[in-house]
PDB file of N, CA and C in Angstrom:
ATOM      1  N   MET A   1      97.719 -72.471-198.953  1.00  0.00           N
ATOM      2  CA  MET A   1      96.787 -73.383-198.605  1.00  0.00           C
ATOM      3  C   MET A   1      97.394 -74.832-198.661  1.00  0.00           C
ATOM      4  N   ILE A   2      96.801 -75.758-197.870  1.00  0.00           N
ATOM      5  CA  ILE A   2      97.311 -77.127-197.781  1.00  0.00           C
ATOM      6  C   ILE A   2      96.582 -77.970-198.915  1.00  0.00           C
ATOM      7  N   ASP A   3      97.308 -78.773-199.521  1.00  0.00           N
ATOM      8  CA  ASP A   3      96.904 -79.552-200.636  1.00  0.00           C
ATOM      9  C   ASP A   3      96.244 -80.846-199.847  1.00  0.00           C
ATOM     10  N   ARG A   4      94.884 -80.907-199.836  1.00  0.00           N
ATOM     11  CA  ARG A   4      94.259 -81.914-199.169  1.00  0.00           C
ATOM     12  C   ARG A   4      94.383 -83.380-199.905  1.00  0.00           C
ATOM     13  N   ASN A   5      94.525 -83.263-201.116  1.00  0.00           N
ATOM     14  CA  ASN A   5      94.909 -84.593-201.720  1.00  0.00           C
ATOM     15  C   ASN A   5      96.231 -85.158-201.334  1.00  0.00           C
ATOM     16  N   LYS A   6      97.101 -84.200-201.303  1.00  0.00           N
ATOM     17  CA  LYS A   6      98.535 -84.642-200.819  1.00  0.00           C
ATOM     18  C   LYS A   6      98.542 -85.225-199.289  1.00  0.00           C
ATOM     19  N   LEU A   7      97.765 -84.396-198.478  1.00  0.00           N
ATOM     20  CA  LEU A   7      97.592 -84.799-197.040  1.00  0.00           C
ATOM     21  C   LEU A   7      96.979 -86.161-196.870  1.00  0.00           C
ATOM     22  N   TYR A   8      95.982 -86.381-197.652  1.00  0.00           N
ATOM     23  CA  TYR A   8      95.329 -87.740-197.768  1.00  0.00           C
ATOM     24  C   TYR A   8      96.344 -88.849-198.060  1.00  0.00           C
ATOM     25  N   GLU A   9      96.970 -88.608-199.181  1.00  0.00           N
ATOM     26  CA  GLU A   9      98.057 -89.493-199.752  1.00  0.00           C
ATOM     27  C   GLU A   9      99.185 -89.803-198.753  1.00  0.00           C
ATOM     28  N   LYS A  10      99.627 -88.774-198.127  1.00  0.00           N
ATOM     29  CA  LYS A  10     100.612 -88.868-197.126  1.00  0.00           C
ATOM     30  C   LYS A  10     100.101 -89.837-195.940  1.00  0.00           C
ATOM     31  N   PHE A  11      98.911 -89.600-195.402  1.00  0.00           N
ATOM     32  CA  PHE A  11      98.405 -90.393-194.309  1.00  0.00           C
ATOM     33  C   PHE A  11      98.357 -91.789-194.796  1.00  0.00           C
ATOM     34  N   VAL A  12      97.852 -92.097-195.905  1.00  0.00           N
ATOM     35  CA  VAL A  12      97.750 -93.579-196.444  1.00  0.00           C
ATOM     36  C   VAL A  12      99.128 -94.064-196.462  1.00  0.00           C
ATOM     37  N   SER A  13     100.164 -93.343-196.967  1.00  0.00           N
ATOM     38  CA  SER A  13     101.557 -93.902-197.187  1.00  0.00           C
ATOM     39  C   SER A  13     102.110 -94.188-195.813  1.00  0.00           C
ATOM     40  N   VAL A  14     101.907 -93.356-194.753  1.00  0.00           N
ATOM     41  CA  VAL A  14     102.456 -93.542-193.314  1.00  0.00           C
ATOM     42  C   VAL A  14     101.675 -94.454-192.601  1.00  0.00           C
ATOM     43  N   TYR A  15     100.380 -94.413-192.607  1.00  0.00           N
ATOM     44  CA  TYR A  15      99.387 -95.255-191.602  1.00  0.00           C
ATOM     45  C   TYR A  15      98.644 -96.238-192.363  1.00  0.00           C
ATOM     46  N   GLY A  16      98.287 -96.234-193.604  1.00  0.00           N
ATOM     47  CA  GLY A  16      97.492 -96.997-194.273  1.00  0.00           C
ATOM     48  C   GLY A  16      95.957 -96.600-193.826  1.00  0.00           C
ATOM     49  N   GLY A  17      95.046 -97.250-194.463  1.00  0.00           N
ATOM     50  CA  GLY A  17      93.668 -96.911-194.223  1.00  0.00           C
ATOM     51  C   GLY A  17      93.194 -95.618-194.830  1.00  0.00           C
ATOM     52  N   ARG A  18      91.960 -95.256-194.649  1.00  0.00           N
ATOM     53  CA  ARG A  18      91.372 -94.222-195.127  1.00  0.00           C
ATOM     54  C   ARG A  18      91.118 -93.157-194.108  1.00  0.00           C
ATOM     55  N   PRO A  19      91.633 -92.009-194.054  1.00  0.00           N
ATOM     56  CA  PRO A  19      91.503 -90.931-193.041  1.00  0.00           C
ATOM     57  C   PRO A  19      90.353 -90.025-193.273  1.00  0.00           C
ATOM     58  N   ARG A  20      89.865 -89.342-192.205  1.00  0.00           N
ATOM     59  CA  ARG A  20      88.937 -88.199-192.274  1.00  0.00           C
ATOM     60  C   ARG A  20      89.776 -86.958-192.257  1.00  0.00           C
ATOM     61  N   LEU A  21      89.361 -85.977-193.081  1.00  0.00           N
ATOM     62  CA  LEU A  21      90.235 -84.795-193.098  1.00  0.00           C
ATOM     63  C   LEU A  21      89.353 -83.636-192.473  1.00  0.00           C
ATOM     64  N   PHE A  22      90.046 -82.883-191.680  1.00  0.00           N
ATOM     65  CA  PHE A  22      89.546 -81.653-191.030  1.00  0.00           C
ATOM     66  C   PHE A  22      90.540 -80.389-191.259  1.00  0.00           C
ATOM     67  N   ARG A  23      89.906 -79.234-191.081  1.00  0.00           N
ATOM     68  CA  ARG A  23      90.667 -78.043-191.209  1.00  0.00           C
ATOM     69  C   ARG A  23      90.153 -76.872-190.361  1.00  0.00           C
ATOM     70  N   ALA A  24      90.950 -75.986-190.023  1.00  0.00           N
ATOM     71  CA  ALA A  24      90.622 -74.807-189.221  1.00  0.00           C
ATOM     72  C   ALA A  24      91.304 -73.686-189.770  1.00  0.00           C
ATOM     73  N   PRO A  25      90.675 -72.539-190.237  1.00  0.00           N
ATOM     74  CA  PRO A  25      91.412 -71.475-190.776  1.00  0.00           C
ATOM     75  C   PRO A  25      92.154 -70.582-189.703  1.00  0.00           C
ATOM     76  N   GLY A  26      93.210 -70.122-190.082  1.00  0.00           N
ATOM     77  CA  GLY A  26      93.966 -69.170-189.164  1.00  0.00           C
ATOM     78  C   GLY A  26      93.231 -67.915-188.914  1.00  0.00           C
ATOM     79  N   ARG A  27      93.439 -67.250-187.825  1.00  0.00           N
ATOM     80  CA  ARG A  27      92.655 -65.779-187.671  1.00  0.00           C
ATOM     81  C   ARG A  27      93.578 -64.864-187.053  1.00  0.00           C
ATOM     82  N   VAL A  28      93.135 -63.677-187.181  1.00  0.00           N
ATOM     83  CA  VAL A  28      93.899 -62.728-186.400  1.00  0.00           C
ATOM     84  C   VAL A  28      92.690 -61.928-185.819  1.00  0.00           C
ATOM     85  N   ASN A  29      92.944 -61.260-184.664  1.00  0.00           N
ATOM     86  CA  ASN A  29      92.002 -60.317-183.947  1.00  0.00           C
ATOM     87  C   ASN A  29      92.306 -58.900-184.234  1.00  0.00           C
ATOM     88  N   LEU A  30      91.444 -58.283-184.934  1.00  0.00           N
ATOM     89  CA  LEU A  30      91.739 -56.911-185.214  1.00  0.00           C
ATOM     90  C   LEU A  30      91.554 -56.016-183.965  1.00  0.00           C
ATOM     91  N   ILE A  31      90.680 -56.483-183.135  1.00  0.00           N
ATOM     92  CA  ILE A  31      90.552 -55.760-181.770  1.00  0.00           C
ATOM     93  C   ILE A  31      90.368 -56.908-180.794  1.00  0.00           C
ATOM     94  N   GLY A  32      90.570 -56.622-179.598  1.00  0.00           N
ATOM     95  CA  GLY A  32      90.184 -57.676-178.520  1.00  0.00           C
ATOM     96  C   GLY A  32      90.957 -58.880-178.299  1.00  0.00           C
ATOM     97  N   GLU A  33      92.289 -58.801-178.609  1.00  0.00           N
ATOM     98  CA  GLU A  33      93.164 -59.772-178.239  1.00  0.00           C
ATOM     99  C   GLU A  33      93.024 -60.568-176.938  1.00  0.00           C
ATOM    100  N   HIS A  34      92.772 -61.791-176.959  1.00  0.00           N
ATOM    101  CA  HIS A  34      92.565 -62.714-175.749  1.00  0.00           C
ATOM    102  C   HIS A  34      91.447 -62.203-174.811  1.00  0.00           C
ATOM    103  N   THR A  35      90.343 -61.566-175.474  1.00  0.00           N
ATOM    104  CA  THR A  35      89.259 -61.187-174.652  1.00  0.00           C
ATOM    105  C   THR A  35      87.987 -62.035-174.800  1.00  0.00           C
ATOM    106  N   ASP A  36      87.988 -62.653-176.043  1.00  0.00           N
ATOM    107  CA  ASP A  36      86.849 -63.457-176.442  1.00  0.00           C
ATOM    108  C   ASP A  36      86.342 -64.512-175.369  1.00  0.00           C
ATOM    109  N   TYR A  37      87.280 -65.100-174.650  1.00  0.00           N
ATOM    110  CA  TYR A  37      86.945 -66.096-173.655  1.00  0.00           C
ATOM    111  C   TYR A  37      86.679 -65.464-172.321  1.00  0.00           C
ATOM    112  N   ASN A  38      86.865 -64.183-172.232  1.00  0.00           N
ATOM    113  CA  ASN A  38      86.478 -63.354-171.073  1.00  0.00           C
ATOM    114  C   ASN A  38      85.307 -62.465-171.204  1.00  0.00           C
ATOM    115  N   ASP A  39      84.388 -62.714-172.114  1.00  0.00           N
ATOM    116  CA  ASP A  39      83.245 -61.953-172.403  1.00  0.00           C
ATOM    117  C   ASP A  39      83.488 -60.572-172.928  1.00  0.00           C
ATOM    118  N   GLY A  40      84.645 -60.440-173.592  1.00  0.00           N
ATOM    119  CA  GLY A  40      85.004 -59.078-174.096  1.00  0.00           C
ATOM    120  C   GLY A  40      84.675 -59.019-175.582  1.00  0.00           C
ATOM    121  N   PHE A  41      84.805 -57.719-176.138  1.00  0.00           N
ATOM    122  CA  PHE A  41      84.554 -57.689-177.534  1.00  0.00           C
ATOM    123  C   PHE A  41      85.649 -57.972-178.480  1.00  0.00           C
ATOM    124  N   VAL A  42      85.432 -58.660-179.535  1.00  0.00           N
ATOM    125  CA  VAL A  42      86.429 -59.014-180.460  1.00  0.00           C
ATOM    126  C   VAL A  42      86.051 -58.731-181.780  1.00  0.00           C
ATOM    127  N   LEU A  43      86.898 -58.713-182.726  1.00  0.00           N
ATOM    128  CA  LEU A  43      86.681 -58.592-184.144  1.00  0.00           C
ATOM    129  C   LEU A  43      87.687 -59.498-184.927  1.00  0.00           C
ATOM    130  N   PRO A  44      87.418 -60.824-184.889  1.00  0.00           N
ATOM    131  CA  PRO A  44      88.301 -61.756-185.617  1.00  0.00           C
ATOM    132  C   PRO A  44      88.191 -61.859-187.002  1.00  0.00           C
ATOM    133  N   MET A  45      89.235 -62.191-187.735  1.00  0.00           N
ATOM    134  CA  MET A  45      89.132 -62.148-189.166  1.00  0.00           C
ATOM    135  C   MET A  45      89.973 -63.508-189.627  1.00  0.00           C
ATOM    136  N   ALA A  46      89.378 -64.194-190.557  1.00  0.00           N
ATOM    137  CA  ALA A  46      90.081 -65.468-191.113  1.00  0.00           C
ATOM    138  C   ALA A  46      91.211 -64.941-192.106  1.00  0.00           C
ATOM    139  N   ILE A  47      92.323 -65.642-192.044  1.00  0.00           N
ATOM    140  CA  ILE A  47      93.327 -65.290-192.995  1.00  0.00           C
ATOM    141  C   ILE A  47      93.670 -66.467-193.887  1.00  0.00           C
ATOM    142  N   ASP A  48      94.717 -66.391-194.676  1.00  0.00           N
ATOM    143  CA  ASP A  48      94.966 -67.270-195.739  1.00  0.00           C
ATOM    144  C   ASP A  48      95.914 -68.401-195.242  1.00  0.00           C
ATOM    145  N   ARG A  49      95.851 -68.779-193.918  1.00  0.00           N
ATOM    146  CA  ARG A  49      96.663 -69.849-193.340  1.00  0.00           C
ATOM    147  C   ARG A  49      95.657 -70.683-192.694  1.00  0.00           C
ATOM    148  N   GLU A  50      96.048 -71.954-192.556  1.00  0.00           N
ATOM    149  CA  GLU A  50      95.132 -73.092-192.057  1.00  0.00           C
ATOM    150  C   GLU A  50      95.986 -74.133-191.330  1.00  0.00           C
ATOM    151  N   THR A  51      95.210 -74.821-190.570  1.00  0.00           N
ATOM    152  CA  THR A  51      95.721 -76.057-189.901  1.00  0.00           C
ATOM    153  C   THR A  51      94.837 -77.230-190.554  1.00  0.00           C
ATOM    154  N   ALA A  52      95.358 -78.197-191.021  1.00  0.00           N
ATOM    155  CA  ALA A  52      94.688 -79.342-191.558  1.00  0.00           C
ATOM    156  C   ALA A  52      95.151 -80.568-190.994  1.00  0.00           C
ATOM    157  N   VAL A  53      94.276 -81.660-190.633  1.00  0.00           N
ATOM    158  CA  VAL A  53      94.696 -82.841-190.180  1.00  0.00           C
ATOM    159  C   VAL A  53      93.932 -84.008-190.827  1.00  0.00           C
ATOM    160  N   ALA A  54      94.624 -85.066-190.824  1.00  0.00           N
ATOM    161  CA  ALA A  54      93.983 -86.284-191.375  1.00  0.00           C
ATOM    162  C   ALA A  54      94.004 -87.260-190.274  1.00  0.00           C
ATOM    163  N   ILE A  55      92.824 -87.874-189.896  1.00  0.00           N
ATOM    164  CA  ILE A  55      92.722 -88.775-188.735  1.00  0.00           C
ATOM    165  C   ILE A  55      92.070 -89.971-189.073  1.00  0.00           C
ATOM    166  N   ARG A  56      92.358 -90.956-188.237  1.00  0.00           N
ATOM    167  CA  ARG A  56      91.628 -92.315-188.349  1.00  0.00           C
ATOM    168  C   ARG A  56      91.401 -92.783-186.895  1.00  0.00           C
ATOM    169  N   GLU A  57      90.303 -93.432-186.661  1.00  0.00           N
ATOM    170  CA  GLU A  57      90.086 -93.904-185.270  1.00  0.00           C
ATOM    171  C   GLU A  57      90.968 -95.071-185.011  1.00  0.00           C
ATOM    172  N   ARG A  58      91.321 -95.307-183.834  1.00  0.00           N
ATOM    173  CA  ARG A  58      92.128 -96.527-183.295  1.00  0.00           C
ATOM    174  C   ARG A  58      91.295 -97.173-182.208  1.00  0.00           C
ATOM    175  N   ASN A  59      91.593 -98.478-181.920  1.00  0.00           N
ATOM    176  CA  ASN A  59      90.910 -99.197-180.852  1.00  0.00           C
ATOM    177  C   ASN A  59      91.640 -99.218-179.556  1.00  0.00           C
ATOM    178  N   ASP A  60      92.692 -98.477-179.405  1.00  0.00           N
ATOM    179  CA  ASP A  60      93.554 -98.320-178.232  1.00  0.00           C
ATOM    180  C   ASP A  60      93.614 -96.833-177.862  1.00  0.00           C
ATOM    181  N   ARG A  61      94.357 -96.518-176.814  1.00  0.00           N
ATOM    182  CA  ARG A  61      94.498 -95.167-176.490  1.00  0.00           C
ATOM    183  C   ARG A  61      95.898 -94.551-176.753  1.00  0.00           C
ATOM    184  N   THR A  62      96.558 -95.153-177.773  1.00  0.00           N
ATOM    185  CA  THR A  62      97.858 -94.684-178.224  1.00  0.00           C
ATOM    186  C   THR A  62      97.544 -93.683-179.484  1.00  0.00           C
ATOM    187  N   VAL A  63      98.199 -92.541-179.442  1.00  0.00           N
ATOM    188  CA  VAL A  63      98.069 -91.529-180.477  1.00  0.00           C
ATOM    189  C   VAL A  63      99.283 -91.538-181.189  1.00  0.00           C
ATOM    190  N   ARG A  64      99.188 -91.731-182.558  1.00  0.00           N
ATOM    191  CA  ARG A  64     100.279 -91.814-183.364  1.00  0.00           C
ATOM    192  C   ARG A  64     100.187 -90.474-184.270  1.00  0.00           C
ATOM    193  N   VAL A  65     101.184 -89.749-184.468  1.00  0.00           N
ATOM    194  CA  VAL A  65     101.264 -88.507-185.317  1.00  0.00           C
ATOM    195  C   VAL A  65     102.347 -88.245-186.063  1.00  0.00           C
ATOM    196  N   HIS A  66     102.172 -87.663-187.273  1.00  0.00           N
ATOM    197  CA  HIS A  66     103.090 -87.319-188.083  1.00  0.00           C
ATOM    198  C   HIS A  66     103.103 -85.843-188.657  1.00  0.00           C
ATOM    199  N   THR A  67     104.112 -85.148-188.614  1.00  0.00           N
ATOM    200  CA  THR A  67     103.943 -83.804-189.045  1.00  0.00           C
ATOM    201  C   THR A  67     104.540 -83.842-190.444  1.00  0.00           C
ATOM    202  N   VAL A  68     103.752 -83.277-191.530  1.00  0.00           N
ATOM    203  CA  VAL A  68     104.358 -83.142-192.735  1.00  0.00           C
ATOM    204  C   VAL A  68     105.336 -82.081-192.994  1.00  0.00           C
ATOM    205  N   ASN A  69     105.106 -81.077-192.114  1.00  0.00           N
ATOM    206  CA  ASN A  69     106.081 -79.912-192.291  1.00  0.00           C
ATOM    207  C   ASN A  69     107.468 -80.320-191.874  1.00  0.00           C
ATOM    208  N   LEU A  70     107.750 -81.071-190.834  1.00  0.00           N
ATOM    209  CA  LEU A  70     109.090 -81.523-190.412  1.00  0.00           C
ATOM    210  C   LEU A  70     109.374 -82.975-190.802  1.00  0.00           C
ATOM    211  N   ASP A  71     108.449 -83.788-191.399  1.00  0.00           N
ATOM    212  CA  ASP A  71     108.681 -85.061-191.856  1.00  0.00           C
ATOM    213  C   ASP A  71     109.068 -85.942-190.594  1.00  0.00           C
ATOM    214  N   ASP A  72     108.382 -85.799-189.507  1.00  0.00           N
ATOM    215  CA  ASP A  72     108.728 -86.432-188.256  1.00  0.00           C
ATOM    216  C   ASP A  72     107.535 -87.139-187.721  1.00  0.00           C
ATOM    217  N   SER A  73     107.729 -88.289-187.060  1.00  0.00           N
ATOM    218  CA  SER A  73     106.707 -89.075-186.449  1.00  0.00           C
ATOM    219  C   SER A  73     106.936 -89.269-185.014  1.00  0.00           C
ATOM    220  N   ALA A  74     105.799 -89.398-184.251  1.00  0.00           N
ATOM    221  CA  ALA A  74     105.874 -89.655-182.793  1.00  0.00           C
ATOM    222  C   ALA A  74     104.596 -90.318-182.382  1.00  0.00           C
ATOM    223  N   GLU A  75     104.590 -90.906-181.105  1.00  0.00           N
ATOM    224  CA  GLU A  75     103.475 -91.404-180.563  1.00  0.00           C
ATOM    225  C   GLU A  75     103.486 -91.224-179.041  1.00  0.00           C
ATOM    226  N   PHE A  76     102.266 -91.397-178.512  1.00  0.00           N
ATOM    227  CA  PHE A  76     102.135 -91.353-176.913  1.00  0.00           C
ATOM    228  C   PHE A  76     100.881 -92.139-176.496  1.00  0.00           C
ATOM    229  N   ASP A  77     100.930 -92.515-175.377  1.00  0.00           N
ATOM    230  CA  ASP A  77      99.843 -93.307-174.806  1.00  0.00           C
ATOM    231  C   ASP A  77      99.105 -92.336-173.844  1.00  0.00           C
ATOM    232  N   LEU A  78      97.845 -92.277-173.888  1.00  0.00           N
ATOM    233  CA  LEU A  78      96.942 -91.449-173.187  1.00  0.00           C
ATOM    234  C   LEU A  78      96.760 -92.011-171.745  1.00  0.00           C
ATOM    235  N   ASP A  79      97.240 -93.289-171.504  1.00  0.00           N
ATOM    236  CA  ASP A  79      97.019 -93.836-170.188  1.00  0.00           C
ATOM    237  C   ASP A  79      98.396 -93.708-169.377  1.00  0.00           C
ATOM    238  N   ARG A  80      99.369 -93.172-170.132  1.00  0.00           N
ATOM    239  CA  ARG A  80     100.756 -92.870-169.248  1.00  0.00           C
ATOM    240  C   ARG A  80     100.789 -91.435-168.989  1.00  0.00           C
ATOM    241  N   GLY A  81     101.640 -91.044-168.158  1.00  0.00           N
ATOM    242  CA  GLY A  81     101.876 -89.705-167.892  1.00  0.00           C
ATOM    243  C   GLY A  81     102.498 -88.827-169.046  1.00  0.00           C
ATOM    244  N   TYR A  82     102.231 -87.522-168.851  1.00  0.00           N
ATOM    245  CA  TYR A  82     102.889 -86.652-169.923  1.00  0.00           C
ATOM    246  C   TYR A  82     104.441 -86.677-169.785  1.00  0.00           C
ATOM    247  N   ALA A  83     105.146 -86.818-170.832  1.00  0.00           N
ATOM    248  CA  ALA A  83     106.579 -86.729-170.820  1.00  0.00           C
ATOM    249  C   ALA A  83     107.057 -85.941-171.844  1.00  0.00           C
ATOM    250  N   GLY A  84     106.607 -84.706-171.983  1.00  0.00           N
ATOM    251  CA  GLY A  84     106.990 -83.788-173.119  1.00  0.00           C
ATOM    252  C   GLY A  84     108.245 -83.281-173.117  1.00  0.00           C
ATOM    253  N   LYS A  85     108.867 -82.744-174.173  1.00  0.00           N
ATOM    254  CA  LYS A  85     110.131 -82.209-174.221  1.00  0.00           C
ATOM    255  C   LYS A  85     109.976 -80.785-174.538  1.00  0.00           C
ATOM    256  N   ALA A  86     110.771 -79.959-173.909  1.00  0.00           N
ATOM    257  CA  ALA A  86     110.714 -78.469-174.171  1.00  0.00           C
ATOM    258  C   ALA A  86     111.021 -78.141-175.645  1.00  0.00           C
ATOM    259  N   GLY A  87     110.130 -77.325-176.265  1.00  0.00           N
ATOM    260  CA  GLY A  87     110.192 -76.994-177.562  1.00  0.00           C
ATOM    261  C   GLY A  87     109.854 -77.896-178.750  1.00  0.00           C
ATOM    262  N   SER A  88     109.211 -79.069-178.340  1.00  0.00           N
ATOM    263  CA  SER A  88     108.876 -80.057-179.295  1.00  0.00           C
ATOM    264  C   SER A  88     107.546 -79.675-179.886  1.00  0.00           C
ATOM    265  N   TRP A  89     107.404 -80.045-181.254  1.00  0.00           N
ATOM    266  CA  TRP A  89     106.142 -79.811-181.964  1.00  0.00           C
ATOM    267  C   TRP A  89     105.035 -80.645-181.329  1.00  0.00           C
ATOM    268  N   LEU A  90     105.482 -81.854-180.725  1.00  0.00           N
ATOM    269  CA  LEU A  90     104.513 -82.755-180.216  1.00  0.00           C
ATOM    270  C   LEU A  90     103.781 -82.243-178.970  1.00  0.00           C
ATOM    271  N   ASN A  91     104.280 -81.390-178.226  1.00  0.00           N
ATOM    272  CA  ASN A  91     103.660 -80.885-176.977  1.00  0.00           C
ATOM    273  C   ASN A  91     102.243 -80.355-177.359  1.00  0.00           C
ATOM    274  N   TYR A  92     102.045 -79.573-178.284  1.00  0.00           N
ATOM    275  CA  TYR A  92     100.767 -79.036-178.638  1.00  0.00           C
ATOM    276  C   TYR A  92      99.731 -80.062-178.938  1.00  0.00           C
ATOM    277  N   VAL A  93     100.155 -81.050-179.884  1.00  0.00           N
ATOM    278  CA  VAL A  93      99.283 -82.130-180.164  1.00  0.00           C
ATOM    279  C   VAL A  93      98.866 -82.994-179.032  1.00  0.00           C
ATOM    280  N   GLU A  94      99.894 -83.328-178.189  1.00  0.00           N
ATOM    281  CA  GLU A  94      99.577 -84.169-176.998  1.00  0.00           C
ATOM    282  C   GLU A  94      98.797 -83.321-175.968  1.00  0.00           C
ATOM    283  N   GLY A  95      99.141 -82.164-175.796  1.00  0.00           N
ATOM    284  CA  GLY A  95      98.201 -81.261-174.876  1.00  0.00           C
ATOM    285  C   GLY A  95      96.812 -81.280-175.254  1.00  0.00           C
ATOM    286  N   VAL A  96      96.468 -81.056-176.477  1.00  0.00           N
ATOM    287  CA  VAL A  96      95.102 -81.014-176.985  1.00  0.00           C
ATOM    288  C   VAL A  96      94.453 -82.359-176.863  1.00  0.00           C
ATOM    289  N   ALA A  97      95.186 -83.510-177.162  1.00  0.00           N
ATOM    290  CA  ALA A  97      94.602 -84.826-177.130  1.00  0.00           C
ATOM    291  C   ALA A  97      94.305 -85.100-175.701  1.00  0.00           C
ATOM    292  N   ARG A  98      95.102 -84.786-174.725  1.00  0.00           N
ATOM    293  CA  ARG A  98      94.797 -85.091-173.297  1.00  0.00           C
ATOM    294  C   ARG A  98      93.635 -84.339-172.834  1.00  0.00           C
ATOM    295  N   ILE A  99      93.514 -83.057-173.277  1.00  0.00           N
ATOM    296  CA  ILE A  99      92.364 -82.285-172.713  1.00  0.00           C
ATOM    297  C   ILE A  99      91.102 -82.860-173.344  1.00  0.00           C
ATOM    298  N   LEU A 100      91.061 -83.285-174.523  1.00  0.00           N
ATOM    299  CA  LEU A 100      89.922 -83.704-175.193  1.00  0.00           C
ATOM    300  C   LEU A 100      89.503 -85.163-174.533  1.00  0.00           C
TER     301      LEU A 100
END
């Protein structure tokens, strides 16, 4: 499990300010892989893995991110075109941000 206090402290050390913390548990599908969004039957189960994020609102459309796992930072502007790199951890973050 992710230590939320360390996540909070890391955010403050990298970006300053007070973040909000969010988490989502990992899951496995015991039956019905990839059918839940096609009106099929599923039996998902939470597992002991999770994704956790610390975020803070900005006044512009620049997204700045830092991965604790790789100790790497990056940023992108939502008003500019996507310029992802194959195999980069940032692709998932940027793709989700652009969809939202």
